[in-house]
Amino acid sequence: MRLLRTNIRSHSYLLIIALIGPLLAGCSIFGPSGDSHAADSAGGTNYLRIDPLRIGDSIRVDFSGTPAPIASVGPTDIKNNGTVSFEYIGDVQAAGLTPGELEKAIQAKYVPEYYTHLNVTVTPTARYFYVEGEVNGGGGGRVMYSGPITVTGAIAAAGGFTPFGDRKRVKLIRVNATKAITVNCNKAIEDSKLDLPVYPGDKIVVNRRLW
């Protein structure tokens, strides 16, 4: 009888583990902090889909679901006024919208006035971040975002520090942020946790050191 109770208890433990195991595994999809950027940084592509488009970004727009094929638009840059031009409907505001939001905006312009049904797909083809100040190569400029990158990597991609660059007080300015983040690149090289990620549209400013 004791052996029977022991076997029942063992099988009960195994059943509980089998039931709650997948739930516990699912809790860690986005990392300890629950930040979706942690998952996006693994490939970069997801972040490009959810990040708002900006002036100068390049996109491709494809159409489907109509009786006759419609030519794709692009790759084309978002103009300085934040728009992209299309046949029949003219300029459509793109800057500030995610690719998904832009898809809906374009579709609303075409349907039902020009088409009864239309599928729109917006694909970012080139996104950029910006590096300014004391970096080699003429003071930096626009750098293509091709996937996950950190502050030190972004500066290296822009040409690296000049001998006069202040490595201890690099400014990272997020899009729409009210304050800049200060990054000590000397410490970031030693501790990767201090080497913050850079996303499309971010600006990095390397000031001239005072001594």
N, C-alpha and C. Protein backbone atom coordinates (compact mmCIF):
# COMPACT_ATOMS: atom_id res chain seq x y z
N MET A 1 0.83 -1.21 0.00
CA MET A 1 0.00 0.00 0.00
C MET A 1 0.87 1.26 0.00
N ARG A 2 1.94 1.25 0.83
CA ARG A 2 2.86 2.40 0.84
C ARG A 2 3.51 2.60 -0.52
N LEU A 3 3.89 1.53 -1.19
CA LEU A 3 4.50 1.63 -2.52
C LEU A 3 3.51 2.25 -3.51
N LEU A 4 2.21 1.88 -3.39
CA LEU A 4 1.19 2.41 -4.30
C LEU A 4 1.04 3.91 -4.11
N ARG A 5 1.03 4.37 -2.82
CA ARG A 5 0.92 5.80 -2.55
C ARG A 5 2.11 6.55 -3.10
N THR A 6 3.29 5.98 -2.99
CA THR A 6 4.51 6.62 -3.49
C THR A 6 4.46 6.78 -5.01
N ASN A 7 4.00 5.74 -5.71
CA ASN A 7 3.90 5.81 -7.16
C ASN A 7 2.88 6.86 -7.61
N ILE A 8 1.75 6.94 -6.88
CA ILE A 8 0.73 7.93 -7.22
C ILE A 8 1.27 9.34 -7.05
N ARG A 9 2.01 9.55 -5.91
CA ARG A 9 2.57 10.88 -5.65
C ARG A 9 3.59 11.26 -6.73
N SER A 10 4.43 10.33 -7.16
CA SER A 10 5.44 10.60 -8.18
C SER A 10 4.79 10.97 -9.50
N HIS A 11 3.75 10.24 -9.86
CA HIS A 11 3.08 10.54 -11.13
C HIS A 11 2.37 11.89 -11.07
N SER A 12 1.89 12.27 -9.89
CA SER A 12 1.22 13.57 -9.73
C SER A 12 2.22 14.70 -9.94
N TYR A 13 3.42 14.57 -9.39
CA TYR A 13 4.46 15.58 -9.57
C TYR A 13 4.81 15.74 -11.04
N LEU A 14 4.95 14.62 -11.74
CA LEU A 14 5.30 14.67 -13.15
C LEU A 14 4.21 15.35 -13.97
N LEU A 15 2.95 15.10 -13.62
CA LEU A 15 1.83 15.71 -14.34
C LEU A 15 1.81 17.22 -14.14
N ILE A 16 2.08 17.69 -12.91
CA ILE A 16 2.11 19.12 -12.62
C ILE A 16 3.22 19.81 -13.40
N ILE A 17 4.39 19.19 -13.44
CA ILE A 17 5.53 19.77 -14.16
C ILE A 17 5.21 19.87 -15.64
N ALA A 18 4.56 18.82 -16.18
CA ALA A 18 4.23 18.83 -17.61
C ALA A 18 3.25 19.93 -17.95
N LEU A 19 2.34 20.24 -17.01
CA LEU A 19 1.33 21.26 -17.27
C LEU A 19 1.87 22.68 -17.17
N ILE A 20 2.72 22.94 -16.16
CA ILE A 20 3.17 24.32 -15.94
C ILE A 20 4.48 24.63 -16.63
N GLY A 21 5.19 23.62 -17.15
CA GLY A 21 6.48 23.86 -17.80
C GLY A 21 6.38 24.83 -18.95
N PRO A 22 5.44 24.60 -19.92
CA PRO A 22 5.34 25.52 -21.06
C PRO A 22 4.97 26.93 -20.65
N LEU A 23 4.15 27.05 -19.55
CA LEU A 23 3.78 28.39 -19.09
C LEU A 23 4.98 29.14 -18.57
N LEU A 24 5.82 28.43 -17.80
CA LEU A 24 7.02 29.08 -17.27
C LEU A 24 7.97 29.47 -18.38
N ALA A 25 8.09 28.63 -19.40
CA ALA A 25 8.97 28.95 -20.53
C ALA A 25 8.47 30.16 -21.27
N GLY A 26 7.14 30.29 -21.40
CA GLY A 26 6.58 31.42 -22.13
C GLY A 26 6.83 32.74 -21.45
N CYS A 27 7.02 32.73 -20.13
CA CYS A 27 7.21 33.99 -19.39
C CYS A 27 8.50 34.68 -19.75
N SER A 28 9.46 33.98 -20.34
CA SER A 28 10.77 34.58 -20.58
C SER A 28 10.98 34.98 -22.03
N ILE A 29 9.90 35.06 -22.81
CA ILE A 29 10.05 35.36 -24.24
C ILE A 29 10.75 36.69 -24.45
N PHE A 30 10.40 37.71 -23.63
CA PHE A 30 10.93 39.04 -23.84
C PHE A 30 12.06 39.37 -22.87
N GLY A 31 12.62 38.38 -22.23
CA GLY A 31 13.73 38.64 -21.32
C GLY A 31 13.22 39.01 -19.95
N PRO A 32 14.12 39.17 -18.97
CA PRO A 32 13.75 39.43 -17.59
C PRO A 32 12.92 40.69 -17.43
N SER A 33 13.15 41.72 -18.21
CA SER A 33 12.48 42.99 -18.01
C SER A 33 11.14 43.05 -18.73
N GLY A 34 10.85 42.08 -19.61
CA GLY A 34 9.62 42.13 -20.38
C GLY A 34 9.67 43.14 -21.50
N ASP A 35 10.81 43.68 -21.81
CA ASP A 35 10.97 44.69 -22.84
C ASP A 35 10.96 44.03 -24.21
N SER A 36 10.03 44.43 -25.08
CA SER A 36 9.93 43.82 -26.40
C SER A 36 11.17 44.10 -27.23
N HIS A 37 11.92 45.18 -26.94
CA HIS A 37 13.15 45.47 -27.69
C HIS A 37 14.15 44.34 -27.54
N ALA A 38 14.09 43.61 -26.39
CA ALA A 38 15.03 42.52 -26.18
C ALA A 38 14.83 41.44 -27.23
N ALA A 39 13.56 41.16 -27.55
CA ALA A 39 13.29 40.17 -28.59
C ALA A 39 13.61 40.73 -29.96
N ASP A 40 13.29 42.00 -30.20
CA ASP A 40 13.53 42.60 -31.50
C ASP A 40 15.00 42.68 -31.83
N SER A 41 15.84 42.90 -30.79
CA SER A 41 17.26 43.10 -31.05
C SER A 41 17.93 41.83 -31.54
N ALA A 42 17.25 40.69 -31.39
CA ALA A 42 17.86 39.44 -31.85
C ALA A 42 18.02 39.43 -33.36
N GLY A 43 17.13 40.11 -34.08
CA GLY A 43 17.23 40.07 -35.53
C GLY A 43 17.14 41.42 -36.18
N GLY A 44 16.57 42.39 -35.51
CA GLY A 44 16.46 43.72 -36.07
C GLY A 44 15.22 43.91 -36.93
N THR A 45 14.77 42.85 -37.62
CA THR A 45 13.65 42.98 -38.55
C THR A 45 12.38 43.38 -37.84
N ASN A 46 12.06 42.75 -36.71
CA ASN A 46 10.84 43.09 -36.00
C ASN A 46 10.82 44.54 -35.60
N TYR A 47 11.94 45.05 -35.15
CA TYR A 47 11.99 46.44 -34.73
C TYR A 47 11.71 47.37 -35.90
N LEU A 48 12.17 47.02 -37.08
CA LEU A 48 11.91 47.85 -38.25
C LEU A 48 10.44 47.91 -38.58
N ARG A 49 9.67 46.89 -38.18
CA ARG A 49 8.25 46.89 -38.46
C ARG A 49 7.47 47.75 -37.47
N ILE A 50 7.92 47.85 -36.23
CA ILE A 50 7.15 48.57 -35.22
C ILE A 50 7.68 49.97 -34.96
N ASP A 51 8.85 50.28 -35.47
CA ASP A 51 9.43 51.61 -35.23
C ASP A 51 8.86 52.61 -36.23
N PRO A 52 8.46 53.81 -35.78
CA PRO A 52 7.91 54.81 -36.71
C PRO A 52 8.92 55.19 -37.79
N LEU A 53 8.41 55.40 -39.00
CA LEU A 53 9.24 55.83 -40.12
C LEU A 53 9.63 57.29 -39.93
N ARG A 54 10.76 57.66 -40.56
CA ARG A 54 11.27 59.03 -40.40
C ARG A 54 11.71 59.59 -41.75
N ILE A 55 11.82 60.90 -41.80
CA ILE A 55 12.28 61.57 -43.01
C ILE A 55 13.64 61.00 -43.42
N GLY A 56 13.78 60.68 -44.70
CA GLY A 56 15.03 60.11 -45.20
C GLY A 56 15.05 58.60 -45.25
N ASP A 57 14.14 57.93 -44.51
CA ASP A 57 14.05 56.47 -44.60
C ASP A 57 13.61 56.06 -45.99
N SER A 58 14.05 54.90 -46.41
CA SER A 58 13.66 54.37 -47.72
C SER A 58 12.68 53.22 -47.53
N ILE A 59 11.60 53.23 -48.31
CA ILE A 59 10.59 52.18 -48.20
C ILE A 59 10.20 51.66 -49.58
N ARG A 60 9.62 50.47 -49.58
CA ARG A 60 9.03 49.89 -50.79
C ARG A 60 7.57 49.59 -50.48
N VAL A 61 6.68 49.92 -51.40
CA VAL A 61 5.25 49.68 -51.20
C VAL A 61 4.76 48.75 -52.31
N ASP A 62 4.20 47.61 -51.91
CA ASP A 62 3.67 46.63 -52.86
C ASP A 62 2.16 46.54 -52.72
N PHE A 63 1.50 46.29 -53.85
CA PHE A 63 0.05 46.20 -53.90
C PHE A 63 -0.37 44.83 -54.41
N SER A 64 -1.50 44.35 -53.90
CA SER A 64 -2.05 43.08 -54.37
C SER A 64 -3.55 43.07 -54.10
N GLY A 65 -4.22 42.05 -54.66
CA GLY A 65 -5.65 41.90 -54.42
C GLY A 65 -6.53 42.62 -55.41
N THR A 66 -5.96 43.12 -56.51
CA THR A 66 -6.74 43.80 -57.54
C THR A 66 -6.78 42.94 -58.81
N PRO A 67 -7.81 43.11 -59.65
CA PRO A 67 -7.89 42.31 -60.89
C PRO A 67 -6.68 42.49 -61.78
N ALA A 68 -6.20 43.72 -61.91
CA ALA A 68 -5.00 43.98 -62.72
C ALA A 68 -3.85 44.35 -61.79
N PRO A 69 -2.65 43.86 -62.08
CA PRO A 69 -1.51 44.16 -61.22
C PRO A 69 -1.23 45.67 -61.14
N ILE A 70 -0.76 46.11 -59.97
CA ILE A 70 -0.36 47.50 -59.76
C ILE A 70 1.13 47.52 -59.50
N ALA A 71 1.84 48.40 -60.17
CA ALA A 71 3.29 48.47 -60.01
C ALA A 71 3.66 48.91 -58.59
N SER A 72 4.71 48.30 -58.08
CA SER A 72 5.20 48.68 -56.76
C SER A 72 5.78 50.08 -56.79
N VAL A 73 5.84 50.70 -55.65
CA VAL A 73 6.45 52.02 -55.50
C VAL A 73 7.73 51.87 -54.69
N GLY A 74 8.83 52.36 -55.25
CA GLY A 74 10.09 52.31 -54.53
C GLY A 74 11.01 51.20 -54.99
N PRO A 75 12.11 51.07 -54.23
CA PRO A 75 12.39 51.83 -53.02
C PRO A 75 12.45 53.35 -53.26
N THR A 76 11.86 54.09 -52.35
CA THR A 76 11.82 55.54 -52.44
C THR A 76 12.01 56.14 -51.06
N ASP A 77 12.67 57.29 -51.02
CA ASP A 77 12.93 57.95 -49.74
C ASP A 77 11.73 58.77 -49.31
N ILE A 78 11.49 58.80 -48.01
CA ILE A 78 10.47 59.69 -47.46
C ILE A 78 10.99 61.12 -47.58
N LYS A 79 10.20 61.97 -48.21
CA LYS A 79 10.65 63.33 -48.54
C LYS A 79 10.78 64.21 -47.29
N ASN A 80 11.39 65.37 -47.48
CA ASN A 80 11.64 66.28 -46.36
C ASN A 80 10.36 66.75 -45.68
N ASN A 81 9.25 66.73 -46.41
CA ASN A 81 7.98 67.10 -45.77
C ASN A 81 7.29 65.90 -45.13
N GLY A 82 7.97 64.75 -45.12
CA GLY A 82 7.46 63.57 -44.42
C GLY A 82 6.51 62.72 -45.23
N THR A 83 6.41 62.96 -46.54
CA THR A 83 5.44 62.24 -47.35
C THR A 83 6.09 61.35 -48.40
N VAL A 84 5.25 60.49 -48.99
CA VAL A 84 5.61 59.66 -50.14
C VAL A 84 4.51 59.84 -51.17
N SER A 85 4.87 59.94 -52.43
CA SER A 85 3.90 60.20 -53.49
C SER A 85 3.43 58.91 -54.16
N PHE A 86 2.13 58.88 -54.52
CA PHE A 86 1.53 57.73 -55.17
C PHE A 86 0.66 58.20 -56.34
N GLU A 87 0.47 57.31 -57.30
CA GLU A 87 -0.38 57.61 -58.44
C GLU A 87 -1.82 57.79 -57.98
N TYR A 88 -2.51 58.73 -58.54
CA TYR A 88 -3.91 59.06 -58.26
C TYR A 88 -4.10 59.80 -56.94
N ILE A 89 -3.52 59.30 -55.85
CA ILE A 89 -3.83 59.87 -54.53
C ILE A 89 -2.83 60.92 -54.08
N GLY A 90 -1.71 61.07 -54.80
CA GLY A 90 -0.74 62.11 -54.46
C GLY A 90 0.08 61.78 -53.23
N ASP A 91 0.40 62.80 -52.44
CA ASP A 91 1.27 62.62 -51.27
C ASP A 91 0.50 62.03 -50.09
N VAL A 92 1.15 61.09 -49.40
CA VAL A 92 0.60 60.48 -48.19
C VAL A 92 1.62 60.65 -47.08
N GLN A 93 1.17 61.14 -45.93
CA GLN A 93 2.08 61.32 -44.80
C GLN A 93 2.63 59.97 -44.35
N ALA A 94 3.96 59.88 -44.27
CA ALA A 94 4.60 58.62 -43.88
C ALA A 94 5.42 58.76 -42.61
N ALA A 95 6.13 59.88 -42.46
CA ALA A 95 6.96 60.08 -41.27
C ALA A 95 6.08 60.11 -40.03
N GLY A 96 6.51 59.38 -39.02
CA GLY A 96 5.76 59.30 -37.77
C GLY A 96 4.84 58.11 -37.68
N LEU A 97 4.62 57.42 -38.81
CA LEU A 97 3.78 56.23 -38.83
C LEU A 97 4.63 54.97 -38.86
N THR A 98 4.14 53.91 -38.25
CA THR A 98 4.81 52.61 -38.42
C THR A 98 4.45 52.08 -39.81
N PRO A 99 5.20 51.10 -40.33
CA PRO A 99 4.84 50.53 -41.62
C PRO A 99 3.39 50.04 -41.67
N GLY A 100 2.91 49.43 -40.59
CA GLY A 100 1.54 48.96 -40.56
C GLY A 100 0.53 50.10 -40.62
N GLU A 101 0.81 51.18 -39.91
CA GLU A 101 -0.08 52.34 -39.95
C GLU A 101 -0.09 52.99 -41.32
N LEU A 102 1.08 53.04 -41.97
CA LEU A 102 1.15 53.61 -43.31
C LEU A 102 0.38 52.74 -44.30
N GLU A 103 0.44 51.43 -44.15
CA GLU A 103 -0.33 50.54 -45.01
C GLU A 103 -1.82 50.88 -44.96
N LYS A 104 -2.34 51.09 -43.74
CA LYS A 104 -3.75 51.41 -43.58
C LYS A 104 -4.07 52.79 -44.18
N ALA A 105 -3.14 53.75 -44.01
CA ALA A 105 -3.38 55.09 -44.54
C ALA A 105 -3.45 55.09 -46.06
N ILE A 106 -2.56 54.33 -46.69
CA ILE A 106 -2.56 54.23 -48.16
C ILE A 106 -3.82 53.53 -48.65
N GLN A 107 -4.16 52.45 -47.98
CA GLN A 107 -5.35 51.69 -48.37
C GLN A 107 -6.60 52.55 -48.27
N ALA A 108 -6.70 53.37 -47.23
CA ALA A 108 -7.88 54.23 -47.04
C ALA A 108 -7.99 55.28 -48.14
N LYS A 109 -6.86 55.68 -48.72
CA LYS A 109 -6.87 56.65 -49.82
C LYS A 109 -7.38 56.03 -51.12
N TYR A 110 -7.04 54.75 -51.33
CA TYR A 110 -7.39 54.06 -52.57
C TYR A 110 -8.78 53.41 -52.53
N VAL A 111 -9.17 52.91 -51.36
CA VAL A 111 -10.42 52.16 -51.23
C VAL A 111 -11.44 53.00 -50.46
N PRO A 112 -12.66 53.17 -50.97
CA PRO A 112 -13.22 52.52 -52.17
C PRO A 112 -13.21 53.42 -53.41
N GLU A 113 -12.55 54.58 -53.34
CA GLU A 113 -12.65 55.53 -54.44
C GLU A 113 -12.08 54.98 -55.74
N TYR A 114 -10.95 54.25 -55.65
CA TYR A 114 -10.30 53.75 -56.87
C TYR A 114 -10.41 52.23 -57.00
N TYR A 115 -10.43 51.53 -55.88
CA TYR A 115 -10.49 50.06 -55.91
C TYR A 115 -11.49 49.59 -54.86
N THR A 116 -12.15 48.49 -55.15
CA THR A 116 -13.06 47.92 -54.15
C THR A 116 -12.31 47.12 -53.10
N HIS A 117 -11.14 46.62 -53.50
CA HIS A 117 -10.31 45.85 -52.55
C HIS A 117 -8.85 46.04 -52.92
N LEU A 118 -8.02 46.20 -51.90
CA LEU A 118 -6.58 46.41 -52.15
C LEU A 118 -5.79 46.04 -50.92
N ASN A 119 -4.77 45.23 -51.11
CA ASN A 119 -3.82 44.92 -50.05
C ASN A 119 -2.56 45.76 -50.23
N VAL A 120 -2.08 46.35 -49.16
CA VAL A 120 -0.89 47.21 -49.21
C VAL A 120 0.16 46.66 -48.25
N THR A 121 1.39 46.54 -48.73
CA THR A 121 2.50 46.08 -47.89
C THR A 121 3.63 47.10 -47.96
N VAL A 122 4.00 47.65 -46.81
CA VAL A 122 5.09 48.62 -46.72
C VAL A 122 6.30 47.94 -46.08
N THR A 123 7.42 47.97 -46.79
CA THR A 123 8.64 47.33 -46.30
C THR A 123 9.76 48.36 -46.21
N PRO A 124 10.28 48.63 -45.00
CA PRO A 124 11.44 49.52 -44.90
C PRO A 124 12.65 48.88 -45.57
N THR A 125 13.28 49.60 -46.49
CA THR A 125 14.45 49.06 -47.19
C THR A 125 15.75 49.67 -46.70
N ALA A 126 15.68 50.82 -46.06
CA ALA A 126 16.88 51.45 -45.50
C ALA A 126 16.48 52.37 -44.37
N ARG A 127 17.06 52.12 -43.20
CA ARG A 127 16.82 52.97 -42.03
C ARG A 127 18.19 53.49 -41.59
N TYR A 128 18.20 54.60 -40.87
CA TYR A 128 19.46 55.25 -40.55
C TYR A 128 19.49 55.72 -39.09
N PHE A 129 20.71 55.79 -38.55
CA PHE A 129 20.96 56.52 -37.32
C PHE A 129 22.02 57.57 -37.66
N TYR A 130 22.32 58.44 -36.73
CA TYR A 130 23.18 59.58 -37.02
C TYR A 130 24.28 59.71 -35.98
N VAL A 131 25.47 60.01 -36.44
CA VAL A 131 26.62 60.20 -35.56
C VAL A 131 27.24 61.56 -35.90
N GLU A 132 27.43 62.39 -34.89
CA GLU A 132 27.97 63.73 -35.10
C GLU A 132 29.14 63.99 -34.17
N GLY A 133 29.95 64.96 -34.55
CA GLY A 133 31.02 65.44 -33.67
C GLY A 133 32.39 64.88 -33.99
N GLU A 134 33.12 64.54 -32.94
CA GLU A 134 34.52 64.15 -33.07
C GLU A 134 34.66 62.68 -33.46
N VAL A 135 34.30 62.40 -34.73
CA VAL A 135 34.52 61.07 -35.28
C VAL A 135 35.26 61.22 -36.60
N ASN A 136 36.04 60.22 -36.94
CA ASN A 136 36.79 60.26 -38.19
C ASN A 136 35.85 60.21 -39.39
N GLY A 137 36.32 60.74 -40.48
CA GLY A 137 35.51 60.70 -41.69
C GLY A 137 34.65 61.93 -41.88
N GLY A 138 35.14 63.08 -41.47
CA GLY A 138 34.41 64.31 -41.73
C GLY A 138 33.32 64.64 -40.75
N GLY A 139 33.42 64.15 -39.53
CA GLY A 139 32.44 64.52 -38.51
C GLY A 139 31.18 63.69 -38.51
N GLY A 140 31.23 62.51 -39.14
CA GLY A 140 30.08 61.61 -39.08
C GLY A 140 29.01 61.95 -40.09
N GLY A 141 27.78 61.64 -39.73
CA GLY A 141 26.65 61.85 -40.62
C GLY A 141 25.66 60.71 -40.51
N ARG A 142 24.95 60.45 -41.60
CA ARG A 142 23.93 59.41 -41.61
C ARG A 142 24.57 58.05 -41.84
N VAL A 143 24.21 57.07 -41.01
CA VAL A 143 24.76 55.71 -41.12
C VAL A 143 23.59 54.74 -41.25
N MET A 144 23.68 53.83 -42.20
CA MET A 144 22.58 52.89 -42.41
C MET A 144 22.46 51.91 -41.25
N TYR A 145 21.23 51.72 -40.80
CA TYR A 145 20.93 50.73 -39.76
C TYR A 145 20.65 49.40 -40.45
N SER A 146 21.52 48.43 -40.25
CA SER A 146 21.38 47.15 -40.91
C SER A 146 21.08 46.02 -39.94
N GLY A 147 20.89 46.35 -38.67
CA GLY A 147 20.62 45.33 -37.67
C GLY A 147 21.07 45.82 -36.31
N PRO A 148 20.93 44.99 -35.28
CA PRO A 148 21.27 45.41 -33.92
C PRO A 148 22.69 45.96 -33.82
N ILE A 149 22.82 47.12 -33.16
CA ILE A 149 24.12 47.76 -33.01
C ILE A 149 24.11 48.58 -31.72
N THR A 150 25.27 48.75 -31.12
CA THR A 150 25.38 49.49 -29.87
C THR A 150 26.07 50.83 -30.12
N VAL A 151 26.19 51.62 -29.06
CA VAL A 151 26.80 52.95 -29.18
C VAL A 151 28.24 52.85 -29.68
N THR A 152 29.04 51.97 -29.09
CA THR A 152 30.43 51.85 -29.52
C THR A 152 30.51 51.33 -30.95
N GLY A 153 29.62 50.41 -31.31
CA GLY A 153 29.60 49.91 -32.67
C GLY A 153 29.18 50.97 -33.67
N ALA A 154 28.23 51.81 -33.28
CA ALA A 154 27.76 52.88 -34.16
C ALA A 154 28.87 53.90 -34.42
N ILE A 155 29.63 54.23 -33.38
CA ILE A 155 30.74 55.17 -33.54
C ILE A 155 31.81 54.57 -34.44
N ALA A 156 32.07 53.28 -34.26
CA ALA A 156 33.06 52.61 -35.11
C ALA A 156 32.58 52.60 -36.57
N ALA A 157 31.27 52.39 -36.78
CA ALA A 157 30.73 52.39 -38.13
C ALA A 157 30.84 53.75 -38.79
N ALA A 158 30.86 54.81 -37.98
CA ALA A 158 30.97 56.17 -38.51
C ALA A 158 32.42 56.61 -38.70
N GLY A 159 33.38 55.76 -38.36
CA GLY A 159 34.78 56.10 -38.55
C GLY A 159 35.62 56.06 -37.29
N GLY A 160 34.97 55.94 -36.13
CA GLY A 160 35.71 55.88 -34.87
C GLY A 160 36.00 57.26 -34.30
N PHE A 161 36.44 57.30 -33.06
CA PHE A 161 36.77 58.55 -32.39
C PHE A 161 37.98 59.23 -33.03
N THR A 162 37.96 60.55 -33.08
CA THR A 162 39.17 61.30 -33.39
C THR A 162 40.00 61.36 -32.11
N PRO A 163 41.26 61.78 -32.18
CA PRO A 163 42.07 61.91 -30.96
C PRO A 163 41.48 62.89 -29.95
N PHE A 164 40.58 63.75 -30.41
CA PHE A 164 40.02 64.76 -29.52
C PHE A 164 38.63 64.40 -29.01
N GLY A 165 38.11 63.24 -29.39
CA GLY A 165 36.77 62.85 -28.98
C GLY A 165 36.69 62.51 -27.51
N ASP A 166 35.61 62.97 -26.86
CA ASP A 166 35.39 62.70 -25.44
C ASP A 166 34.70 61.34 -25.33
N ARG A 167 35.47 60.34 -24.99
CA ARG A 167 34.94 58.98 -24.92
C ARG A 167 34.09 58.75 -23.67
N LYS A 168 34.24 59.60 -22.68
CA LYS A 168 33.56 59.40 -21.40
C LYS A 168 32.17 60.02 -21.36
N ARG A 169 31.88 60.93 -22.26
CA ARG A 169 30.61 61.66 -22.20
C ARG A 169 29.94 61.71 -23.58
N VAL A 170 29.73 60.56 -24.16
CA VAL A 170 29.05 60.47 -25.45
C VAL A 170 27.54 60.61 -25.22
N LYS A 171 26.90 61.41 -26.03
CA LYS A 171 25.47 61.65 -25.88
C LYS A 171 24.68 60.76 -26.85
N LEU A 172 23.69 60.06 -26.32
CA LEU A 172 22.78 59.26 -27.12
C LEU A 172 21.40 59.91 -27.03
N ILE A 173 20.88 60.35 -28.17
CA ILE A 173 19.60 61.06 -28.19
C ILE A 173 18.58 60.20 -28.93
N ARG A 174 17.60 59.72 -28.19
CA ARG A 174 16.53 58.93 -28.78
C ARG A 174 15.54 59.85 -29.52
N VAL A 175 14.86 59.29 -30.50
CA VAL A 175 13.84 60.05 -31.21
C VAL A 175 12.73 60.44 -30.23
N ASN A 176 12.34 61.70 -30.25
CA ASN A 176 11.27 62.23 -29.40
C ASN A 176 11.61 62.24 -27.91
N ALA A 177 12.87 61.99 -27.57
CA ALA A 177 13.26 62.03 -26.16
C ALA A 177 13.51 63.47 -25.72
N THR A 178 13.23 63.76 -24.47
CA THR A 178 13.43 65.11 -23.95
C THR A 178 14.84 65.30 -23.38
N LYS A 179 15.50 64.21 -23.06
CA LYS A 179 16.85 64.31 -22.49
C LYS A 179 17.78 63.31 -23.18
N ALA A 180 19.04 63.72 -23.29
CA ALA A 180 20.06 62.83 -23.86
C ALA A 180 20.57 61.87 -22.78
N ILE A 181 21.01 60.71 -23.21
CA ILE A 181 21.62 59.73 -22.31
C ILE A 181 23.12 59.82 -22.47
N THR A 182 23.84 59.90 -21.36
CA THR A 182 25.29 59.97 -21.40
C THR A 182 25.88 58.56 -21.28
N VAL A 183 26.76 58.22 -22.21
CA VAL A 183 27.39 56.90 -22.22
C VAL A 183 28.89 57.06 -22.10
N ASN A 184 29.48 56.37 -21.13
CA ASN A 184 30.93 56.33 -20.98
C ASN A 184 31.44 55.15 -21.81
N CYS A 185 31.99 55.45 -22.98
CA CYS A 185 32.40 54.37 -23.89
C CYS A 185 33.60 53.59 -23.37
N ASN A 186 34.42 54.22 -22.55
CA ASN A 186 35.55 53.48 -21.96
C ASN A 186 35.03 52.35 -21.07
N LYS A 187 34.01 52.65 -20.28
CA LYS A 187 33.42 51.63 -19.41
C LYS A 187 32.56 50.66 -20.21
N ALA A 188 31.92 51.16 -21.27
CA ALA A 188 31.06 50.30 -22.09
C ALA A 188 31.85 49.21 -22.78
N ILE A 189 33.09 49.51 -23.14
CA ILE A 189 33.94 48.50 -23.77
C ILE A 189 34.25 47.37 -22.79
N GLU A 190 34.37 47.72 -21.51
CA GLU A 190 34.69 46.72 -20.49
C GLU A 190 33.44 45.98 -20.01
N ASP A 191 32.30 46.65 -20.02
CA ASP A 191 31.06 46.06 -19.54
C ASP A 191 29.99 46.25 -20.60
N SER A 192 29.61 45.19 -21.29
CA SER A 192 28.67 45.27 -22.41
C SER A 192 27.30 45.78 -21.97
N LYS A 193 26.95 45.64 -20.70
CA LYS A 193 25.66 46.12 -20.23
C LYS A 193 25.56 47.65 -20.32
N LEU A 194 26.69 48.32 -20.32
CA LEU A 194 26.71 49.78 -20.40
C LEU A 194 26.73 50.28 -21.83
N ASP A 195 26.88 49.35 -22.77
CA ASP A 195 26.94 49.70 -24.20
C ASP A 195 25.53 49.64 -24.76
N LEU A 196 24.82 50.76 -24.71
CA LEU A 196 23.39 50.79 -25.01
C LEU A 196 23.10 50.53 -26.49
N PRO A 197 21.95 49.95 -26.78
CA PRO A 197 21.58 49.71 -28.18
C PRO A 197 21.22 51.01 -28.89
N VAL A 198 21.44 51.04 -30.18
CA VAL A 198 21.10 52.19 -31.02
C VAL A 198 20.03 51.73 -32.00
N TYR A 199 18.97 52.54 -32.13
CA TYR A 199 17.85 52.21 -33.00
C TYR A 199 17.76 53.23 -34.14
N PRO A 200 17.02 52.89 -35.20
CA PRO A 200 16.87 53.84 -36.31
C PRO A 200 16.36 55.20 -35.83
N GLY A 201 16.96 56.25 -36.35
CA GLY A 201 16.56 57.59 -35.98
C GLY A 201 17.31 58.16 -34.79
N ASP A 202 18.01 57.32 -34.03
CA ASP A 202 18.78 57.82 -32.89
C ASP A 202 19.95 58.67 -33.36
N LYS A 203 20.37 59.59 -32.50
CA LYS A 203 21.52 60.44 -32.81
C LYS A 203 22.56 60.27 -31.71
N ILE A 204 23.81 60.11 -32.14
CA ILE A 204 24.95 60.02 -31.22
C ILE A 204 25.83 61.24 -31.43
N VAL A 205 26.15 61.93 -30.36
CA VAL A 205 26.98 63.13 -30.44
C VAL A 205 28.25 62.90 -29.62
N VAL A 206 29.40 63.01 -30.29
CA VAL A 206 30.70 62.89 -29.63
C VAL A 206 31.29 64.29 -29.51
N ASN A 207 31.31 64.81 -28.30
CA ASN A 207 31.83 66.16 -28.09
C ASN A 207 33.36 66.16 -28.03
N ARG A 208 33.93 67.35 -28.15
CA ARG A 208 35.38 67.51 -28.05
C ARG A 208 35.76 67.52 -26.58
N ARG A 209 36.74 66.72 -26.20
CA ARG A 209 37.17 66.70 -24.79
C ARG A 209 37.86 68.00 -24.43
N LEU A 210 37.78 68.34 -23.18
CA LEU A 210 38.30 69.62 -22.71
C LEU A 210 39.78 69.56 -22.36
N TRP A 211 40.34 68.37 -22.26
CA TRP A 211 41.77 68.26 -21.91
C TRP A 211 42.40 67.07 -22.64
